[in-house]
N, C-alpha and C. Protein backbone atom coordinates (compact mmCIF):
# COMPACT_ATOMS: atom_id res chain seq x y z
N MET A 1 -9.27 -5.61 7.74
CA MET A 1 -9.69 -4.98 6.51
C MET A 1 -10.92 -5.73 5.99
N ASN A 2 -11.95 -4.97 5.73
CA ASN A 2 -13.18 -5.54 5.22
C ASN A 2 -13.39 -5.02 3.80
N ILE A 3 -13.21 -5.87 2.82
CA ILE A 3 -13.34 -5.47 1.42
C ILE A 3 -14.81 -5.41 1.06
N GLN A 4 -15.26 -4.23 0.62
CA GLN A 4 -16.67 -3.97 0.38
C GLN A 4 -17.17 -4.33 -1.02
N ASN A 5 -16.27 -4.22 -2.03
CA ASN A 5 -16.73 -4.46 -3.40
C ASN A 5 -15.58 -4.91 -4.28
N GLY A 6 -15.93 -5.29 -5.50
CA GLY A 6 -14.94 -5.79 -6.44
C GLY A 6 -13.90 -4.77 -6.82
N ASP A 7 -14.30 -3.51 -6.93
CA ASP A 7 -13.33 -2.47 -7.29
C ASP A 7 -12.28 -2.30 -6.20
N GLU A 8 -12.69 -2.40 -4.96
CA GLU A 8 -11.74 -2.31 -3.85
C GLU A 8 -10.77 -3.50 -3.87
N LEU A 9 -11.28 -4.68 -4.16
CA LEU A 9 -10.41 -5.85 -4.28
C LEU A 9 -9.40 -5.66 -5.39
N LEU A 10 -9.84 -5.16 -6.53
CA LEU A 10 -8.90 -4.90 -7.64
C LEU A 10 -7.84 -3.88 -7.26
N ARG A 11 -8.23 -2.82 -6.55
CA ARG A 11 -7.27 -1.79 -6.12
C ARG A 11 -6.20 -2.41 -5.23
N ILE A 12 -6.60 -3.30 -4.34
CA ILE A 12 -5.65 -3.98 -3.45
C ILE A 12 -4.74 -4.90 -4.25
N LEU A 13 -5.33 -5.70 -5.12
CA LEU A 13 -4.52 -6.64 -5.90
C LEU A 13 -3.55 -5.91 -6.82
N GLU A 14 -3.99 -4.80 -7.41
CA GLU A 14 -3.10 -3.99 -8.24
C GLU A 14 -1.96 -3.41 -7.41
N ALA A 15 -2.27 -2.95 -6.21
CA ALA A 15 -1.23 -2.40 -5.34
C ALA A 15 -0.21 -3.46 -4.97
N LEU A 16 -0.65 -4.69 -4.85
CA LEU A 16 0.26 -5.79 -4.47
C LEU A 16 0.99 -6.40 -5.66
N SER A 17 0.69 -5.94 -6.87
CA SER A 17 1.24 -6.58 -8.06
C SER A 17 2.59 -6.03 -8.50
N ASN A 18 3.34 -5.46 -7.59
CA ASN A 18 4.64 -4.89 -7.91
C ASN A 18 5.66 -5.37 -6.88
N PRO A 19 6.83 -5.82 -7.34
CA PRO A 19 7.82 -6.34 -6.38
C PRO A 19 8.28 -5.31 -5.35
N TYR A 20 8.41 -4.03 -5.73
CA TYR A 20 8.83 -3.02 -4.76
C TYR A 20 7.76 -2.85 -3.68
N ARG A 21 6.50 -2.90 -4.07
CA ARG A 21 5.44 -2.74 -3.09
C ARG A 21 5.39 -3.92 -2.13
N LEU A 22 5.64 -5.10 -2.64
CA LEU A 22 5.71 -6.28 -1.75
C LEU A 22 6.87 -6.14 -0.78
N LYS A 23 8.00 -5.61 -1.27
CA LYS A 23 9.15 -5.40 -0.39
C LYS A 23 8.85 -4.33 0.67
N ILE A 24 8.13 -3.28 0.27
CA ILE A 24 7.74 -2.25 1.23
C ILE A 24 6.89 -2.86 2.34
N ILE A 25 5.94 -3.68 1.96
CA ILE A 25 5.09 -4.33 2.97
C ILE A 25 5.94 -5.20 3.89
N SER A 26 6.88 -5.92 3.31
CA SER A 26 7.75 -6.78 4.12
C SER A 26 8.56 -5.96 5.12
N ILE A 27 9.09 -4.85 4.69
CA ILE A 27 9.88 -3.98 5.56
C ILE A 27 9.00 -3.39 6.66
N LEU A 28 7.83 -2.89 6.27
CA LEU A 28 6.95 -2.25 7.26
C LEU A 28 6.32 -3.27 8.20
N HIS A 29 6.30 -4.51 7.81
CA HIS A 29 5.82 -5.57 8.70
C HIS A 29 6.77 -5.72 9.90
N GLN A 30 8.04 -5.44 9.67
CA GLN A 30 9.04 -5.52 10.73
C GLN A 30 9.00 -4.31 11.65
N GLU A 31 8.91 -3.11 11.04
CA GLU A 31 8.87 -1.86 11.81
C GLU A 31 8.47 -0.71 10.90
N ARG A 32 7.88 0.31 11.50
CA ARG A 32 7.55 1.49 10.71
C ARG A 32 8.85 2.21 10.36
N GLN A 33 8.85 2.89 9.23
CA GLN A 33 10.05 3.59 8.79
C GLN A 33 9.68 4.90 8.14
N TYR A 34 10.66 5.80 8.08
CA TYR A 34 10.42 7.05 7.37
C TYR A 34 10.94 6.91 5.95
N VAL A 35 10.55 7.83 5.10
CA VAL A 35 10.77 7.72 3.67
C VAL A 35 12.23 7.47 3.31
N SER A 36 13.14 8.23 3.88
CA SER A 36 14.56 8.05 3.53
C SER A 36 15.06 6.66 3.90
N GLN A 37 14.62 6.13 5.04
CA GLN A 37 15.00 4.77 5.43
C GLN A 37 14.52 3.77 4.39
N LEU A 38 13.26 3.90 4.00
CA LEU A 38 12.69 2.98 3.02
C LEU A 38 13.43 3.07 1.68
N ALA A 39 13.70 4.28 1.24
CA ALA A 39 14.40 4.47 -0.04
C ALA A 39 15.77 3.81 -0.01
N ARG A 40 16.49 3.97 1.09
CA ARG A 40 17.80 3.33 1.22
C ARG A 40 17.67 1.81 1.25
N SER A 41 16.70 1.32 2.00
CA SER A 41 16.51 -0.13 2.11
C SER A 41 16.20 -0.75 0.75
N LEU A 42 15.45 -0.03 -0.07
CA LEU A 42 15.04 -0.56 -1.37
C LEU A 42 16.03 -0.21 -2.49
N GLY A 43 16.88 0.78 -2.24
CA GLY A 43 17.83 1.20 -3.27
C GLY A 43 17.16 1.95 -4.42
N ILE A 44 16.11 2.72 -4.10
CA ILE A 44 15.42 3.50 -5.13
C ILE A 44 15.32 4.95 -4.68
N SER A 45 15.01 5.82 -5.64
CA SER A 45 14.88 7.25 -5.33
C SER A 45 13.62 7.51 -4.52
N ARG A 46 13.62 8.61 -3.80
CA ARG A 46 12.43 8.97 -3.03
C ARG A 46 11.22 9.27 -3.92
N PRO A 47 11.40 9.97 -5.07
CA PRO A 47 10.23 10.18 -5.93
C PRO A 47 9.59 8.87 -6.40
N LEU A 48 10.41 7.89 -6.78
CA LEU A 48 9.87 6.60 -7.19
C LEU A 48 9.21 5.89 -6.01
N LEU A 49 9.83 5.98 -4.85
CA LEU A 49 9.26 5.38 -3.65
C LEU A 49 7.89 5.97 -3.35
N TYR A 50 7.77 7.30 -3.46
CA TYR A 50 6.49 7.95 -3.18
C TYR A 50 5.37 7.43 -4.10
N LEU A 51 5.70 7.12 -5.35
CA LEU A 51 4.69 6.56 -6.26
C LEU A 51 4.19 5.22 -5.73
N HIS A 52 5.11 4.39 -5.26
CA HIS A 52 4.71 3.09 -4.72
C HIS A 52 3.94 3.25 -3.41
N LEU A 53 4.38 4.14 -2.57
CA LEU A 53 3.69 4.38 -1.30
C LEU A 53 2.27 4.89 -1.54
N GLN A 54 2.11 5.74 -2.53
CA GLN A 54 0.79 6.28 -2.85
C GLN A 54 -0.17 5.16 -3.24
N ARG A 55 0.30 4.22 -4.06
CA ARG A 55 -0.57 3.10 -4.47
C ARG A 55 -0.97 2.25 -3.28
N LEU A 56 -0.02 2.01 -2.37
CA LEU A 56 -0.31 1.21 -1.18
C LEU A 56 -1.26 1.95 -0.24
N GLU A 57 -1.11 3.27 -0.14
CA GLU A 57 -2.03 4.07 0.70
C GLU A 57 -3.43 4.09 0.11
N GLU A 58 -3.53 4.24 -1.20
CA GLU A 58 -4.83 4.25 -1.86
C GLU A 58 -5.58 2.94 -1.63
N ALA A 59 -4.85 1.85 -1.50
CA ALA A 59 -5.45 0.54 -1.24
C ALA A 59 -5.66 0.30 0.25
N ASN A 60 -5.31 1.29 1.06
CA ASN A 60 -5.45 1.22 2.53
C ASN A 60 -4.62 0.10 3.16
N LEU A 61 -3.49 -0.20 2.53
CA LEU A 61 -2.59 -1.23 3.07
C LEU A 61 -1.56 -0.63 4.01
N ILE A 62 -1.25 0.65 3.82
CA ILE A 62 -0.31 1.35 4.70
C ILE A 62 -0.89 2.71 5.03
N LYS A 63 -0.30 3.35 6.05
CA LYS A 63 -0.67 4.74 6.36
C LYS A 63 0.60 5.50 6.71
N GLY A 64 0.57 6.79 6.42
CA GLY A 64 1.71 7.64 6.70
C GLY A 64 1.31 8.79 7.60
N ASP A 65 2.23 9.15 8.50
CA ASP A 65 2.02 10.27 9.42
C ASP A 65 3.30 11.08 9.52
N TYR A 66 3.14 12.38 9.64
CA TYR A 66 4.29 13.26 9.82
C TYR A 66 4.64 13.36 11.29
N GLU A 67 5.94 13.38 11.57
CA GLU A 67 6.45 13.58 12.92
C GLU A 67 7.63 14.52 12.86
N VAL A 68 7.85 15.25 13.94
CA VAL A 68 9.00 16.15 14.03
C VAL A 68 10.08 15.45 14.85
N SER A 69 11.28 15.38 14.27
CA SER A 69 12.39 14.72 14.95
C SER A 69 12.94 15.60 16.07
N ASP A 70 13.85 15.05 16.87
CA ASP A 70 14.48 15.80 17.94
C ASP A 70 15.23 17.02 17.41
N LYS A 71 15.68 16.94 16.16
CA LYS A 71 16.42 18.05 15.55
C LYS A 71 15.50 19.06 14.87
N GLY A 72 14.19 18.85 14.98
CA GLY A 72 13.23 19.79 14.41
C GLY A 72 12.87 19.53 12.96
N LYS A 73 13.33 18.42 12.40
CA LYS A 73 13.04 18.09 11.01
C LYS A 73 11.74 17.30 10.93
N THR A 74 10.87 17.67 9.98
CA THR A 74 9.62 16.95 9.77
C THR A 74 9.90 15.74 8.89
N MET A 75 9.46 14.58 9.38
CA MET A 75 9.70 13.33 8.66
C MET A 75 8.38 12.58 8.53
N LYS A 76 8.19 11.93 7.38
CA LYS A 76 6.97 11.16 7.18
C LYS A 76 7.28 9.68 7.42
N TYR A 77 6.61 9.14 8.43
CA TYR A 77 6.74 7.73 8.77
C TYR A 77 5.59 6.95 8.16
N PHE A 78 5.88 5.73 7.74
CA PHE A 78 4.85 4.84 7.21
C PHE A 78 4.81 3.59 8.06
N GLU A 79 3.59 3.06 8.20
CA GLU A 79 3.42 1.79 8.90
C GLU A 79 2.36 0.98 8.19
N LEU A 80 2.41 -0.29 8.42
CA LEU A 80 1.51 -1.24 7.79
C LEU A 80 0.17 -1.27 8.52
N ASN A 81 -0.91 -1.22 7.76
CA ASN A 81 -2.23 -1.47 8.34
C ASN A 81 -2.43 -2.99 8.36
N PRO A 82 -2.93 -3.52 9.45
CA PRO A 82 -3.15 -4.97 9.49
C PRO A 82 -4.17 -5.38 8.42
N PHE A 83 -3.88 -6.47 7.75
CA PHE A 83 -4.84 -6.98 6.76
C PHE A 83 -4.69 -8.48 6.61
N PHE A 84 -5.80 -9.08 6.22
CA PHE A 84 -5.84 -10.50 5.89
C PHE A 84 -6.85 -10.66 4.77
N ILE A 85 -6.41 -11.23 3.67
CA ILE A 85 -7.29 -11.41 2.52
C ILE A 85 -7.24 -12.88 2.12
N GLU A 86 -8.36 -13.54 2.24
CA GLU A 86 -8.44 -14.94 1.82
C GLU A 86 -9.12 -14.97 0.46
N LEU A 87 -8.33 -15.26 -0.57
CA LEU A 87 -8.87 -15.32 -1.93
C LEU A 87 -9.33 -16.73 -2.23
N ASN A 88 -10.56 -16.84 -2.64
CA ASN A 88 -11.08 -18.12 -3.07
C ASN A 88 -12.20 -17.84 -4.07
N PRO A 89 -12.63 -18.84 -4.83
CA PRO A 89 -13.64 -18.61 -5.85
C PRO A 89 -14.95 -18.02 -5.30
N GLN A 90 -15.37 -18.44 -4.14
CA GLN A 90 -16.62 -17.93 -3.58
C GLN A 90 -16.51 -16.44 -3.27
N PHE A 91 -15.40 -16.01 -2.67
CA PHE A 91 -15.20 -14.60 -2.34
C PHE A 91 -15.21 -13.76 -3.61
N ILE A 92 -14.51 -14.22 -4.64
CA ILE A 92 -14.46 -13.49 -5.91
C ILE A 92 -15.85 -13.43 -6.53
N THR A 93 -16.58 -14.52 -6.49
CA THR A 93 -17.94 -14.55 -7.03
C THR A 93 -18.84 -13.55 -6.31
N GLU A 94 -18.72 -13.47 -5.00
CA GLU A 94 -19.53 -12.53 -4.21
C GLU A 94 -19.26 -11.08 -4.61
N LEU A 95 -18.01 -10.77 -4.96
CA LEU A 95 -17.65 -9.39 -5.30
C LEU A 95 -17.76 -9.08 -6.79
N ALA A 96 -17.84 -10.09 -7.62
CA ALA A 96 -17.80 -9.89 -9.08
C ALA A 96 -18.91 -8.98 -9.58
N ASP A 97 -20.11 -9.10 -9.03
CA ASP A 97 -21.23 -8.27 -9.50
C ASP A 97 -21.06 -6.80 -9.16
N SER A 98 -20.21 -6.49 -8.20
CA SER A 98 -20.02 -5.08 -7.81
C SER A 98 -18.92 -4.38 -8.60
N LEU A 99 -18.27 -5.09 -9.52
CA LEU A 99 -17.23 -4.46 -10.35
C LEU A 99 -17.87 -3.45 -11.29
N THR A 100 -17.27 -2.28 -11.38
CA THR A 100 -17.82 -1.27 -12.28
C THR A 100 -17.30 -1.42 -13.69
N LEU A 101 -16.17 -2.13 -13.84
CA LEU A 101 -15.58 -2.37 -15.16
C LEU A 101 -15.25 -1.10 -15.91
N LYS A 102 -14.93 -0.04 -15.16
CA LYS A 102 -14.51 1.22 -15.77
C LYS A 102 -13.09 1.07 -16.27
N LYS A 103 -12.81 1.66 -17.38
CA LYS A 103 -11.45 1.66 -17.92
C LYS A 103 -10.63 2.67 -17.12
N LYS A 104 -9.45 2.24 -16.69
CA LYS A 104 -8.58 3.11 -15.89
C LYS A 104 -8.00 4.22 -16.77
N LYS A 105 -7.98 5.44 -16.22
CA LYS A 105 -7.38 6.56 -16.94
C LYS A 105 -5.88 6.39 -16.96
N GLU A 106 -5.30 6.57 -18.12
CA GLU A 106 -3.84 6.41 -18.27
C GLU A 106 -3.18 7.77 -18.24
């Protein structure tokens, strides 16, 4: 993963700032899973899980693909995109000027 600007770094850090999302990454680091598996592993509803998955996808930390099972059921599998982020003052300084400082829509 090559972070291009400060806004992209913020999107990644925001995506990682939730315990459920960190757990999702931990699970997907072991193996790819489909939505129902992840929801059961985390003990949360699928609608709530989808909100967390969306944030991780927007940050390009995970990706999802649809597959058809042997029984003909369409299932969405998620897997982890490889990433390595070394945070240090110099890296932050390099990206700081590219921040747009836009207020997030609520």
